[in-house]
Amino acid sequence: MDITFKLYAGLTDYLPAEFRTANQMALKVEEGATIAQVIAPFSLPMKMVHLVLINGVYIYPDDRATRPLVQGDVLAIWPPIAGG
């Protein structure tokens, strides 16, 4: 199935080089793949996977290993961001 995978801020460095300026890529994943399964091949440090949204809806950390994605989902991930 096809999803859109987006990484923001410093996490864009984990995308293939040709997708970094757009901060997103189309991605084929197995039917029923979980968030954890999708991000595993990208070697994201889990301490940097802070804010996770599917189609704009926040996914709690405890649900990320079991929450399946469906055709057309947009998975977006932000690192912790400090500011003030």
Protein backbone atom coordinates (compact mmCIF):
# COMPACT_ATOMS: atom_id res chain seq x y z
CA MET A 1 0.00 0.00 0.00
CA ASP A 2 1.08 3.61 -0.45
CA ILE A 3 1.55 6.20 2.28
CA THR A 4 3.26 9.58 2.56
CA PHE A 5 6.16 9.72 5.02
CA LYS A 6 7.19 13.14 6.35
CA LEU A 7 10.09 14.03 8.63
CA TYR A 8 10.64 17.51 10.04
CA ALA A 9 13.50 19.59 11.43
CA GLY A 10 16.71 17.60 11.97
CA LEU A 11 14.97 14.33 11.15
CA THR A 12 14.92 15.18 7.44
CA ASP A 13 18.55 14.03 7.35
CA TYR A 14 17.25 10.46 7.71
CA LEU A 15 15.38 10.66 4.41
CA PRO A 16 17.14 9.71 1.16
CA ALA A 17 19.01 12.76 -0.14
CA GLU A 18 16.64 13.41 -3.05
CA PHE A 19 13.68 13.86 -0.68
CA ARG A 20 15.25 16.05 2.00
CA THR A 21 14.35 19.44 0.56
CA ALA A 22 10.68 18.44 0.33
CA ASN A 23 10.88 16.68 3.74
CA GLN A 24 8.57 13.94 2.49
CA MET A 25 8.40 10.92 0.25
CA ALA A 26 5.89 8.46 -1.09
CA LEU A 27 6.48 5.08 0.47
CA LYS A 28 5.23 1.58 -0.28
CA VAL A 29 4.67 -0.44 2.88
CA GLU A 30 3.15 -3.80 3.73
CA GLU A 31 -0.59 -3.89 4.33
CA GLY A 32 -1.18 -3.29 8.04
CA ALA A 33 2.36 -2.02 8.70
CA THR A 34 2.74 -0.24 12.03
CA ILE A 35 4.41 3.10 12.65
CA ALA A 36 7.35 1.33 14.26
CA GLN A 37 7.76 -0.94 11.23
CA VAL A 38 7.68 1.98 8.82
CA ILE A 39 10.34 4.01 10.61
CA ALA A 40 12.68 1.08 11.42
CA PRO A 41 14.51 1.06 8.05
CA PHE A 42 15.27 4.78 8.42
CA SER A 43 17.20 4.20 11.69
CA LEU A 44 15.59 7.13 13.47
CA PRO A 45 16.81 7.40 17.08
CA MET A 46 13.69 6.72 19.12
CA LYS A 47 14.55 9.55 21.53
CA MET A 48 14.18 11.86 18.51
CA VAL A 49 10.74 10.52 17.53
CA HIS A 50 8.72 12.91 19.63
CA LEU A 51 5.56 14.11 17.91
CA VAL A 52 3.92 11.51 15.65
CA LEU A 53 0.80 12.28 13.63
CA ILE A 54 -1.24 10.19 11.21
CA ASN A 55 -3.40 12.39 9.01
CA GLY A 56 -2.97 15.19 11.53
CA VAL A 57 -4.02 13.11 14.56
CA TYR A 58 -1.54 12.65 17.43
CA ILE A 59 -0.48 9.07 18.11
CA TYR A 60 0.51 8.33 21.71
CA PRO A 61 3.92 6.66 22.25
CA ASP A 62 2.33 3.47 23.62
CA ASP A 63 0.33 3.05 20.39
CA ARG A 64 3.15 3.49 17.90
CA ALA A 65 4.27 -0.15 17.91
CA THR A 66 0.78 -1.45 17.23
CA ARG A 67 -1.07 1.28 15.30
CA PRO A 68 -1.49 0.00 11.71
CA LEU A 69 -1.39 2.35 8.77
CA VAL A 70 -3.89 2.19 5.91
CA GLN A 71 -3.72 3.09 2.23
CA GLY A 72 -3.21 6.83 1.73
CA ASP A 73 -2.18 7.69 5.29
CA VAL A 74 0.20 10.56 5.92
CA LEU A 75 2.71 9.74 8.66
CA ALA A 76 4.49 12.85 9.99
CA ILE A 77 7.19 12.89 12.67
CA TRP A 78 8.88 15.76 14.53
CA PRO A 79 11.80 15.67 16.94
CA PRO A 80 11.63 17.39 20.33
CA ILE A 81 11.79 21.12 19.71
CA ALA A 82 12.86 23.71 22.24
CA GLY A 83 11.99 27.34 21.99
CA GLY A 84 10.51 30.15 23.82
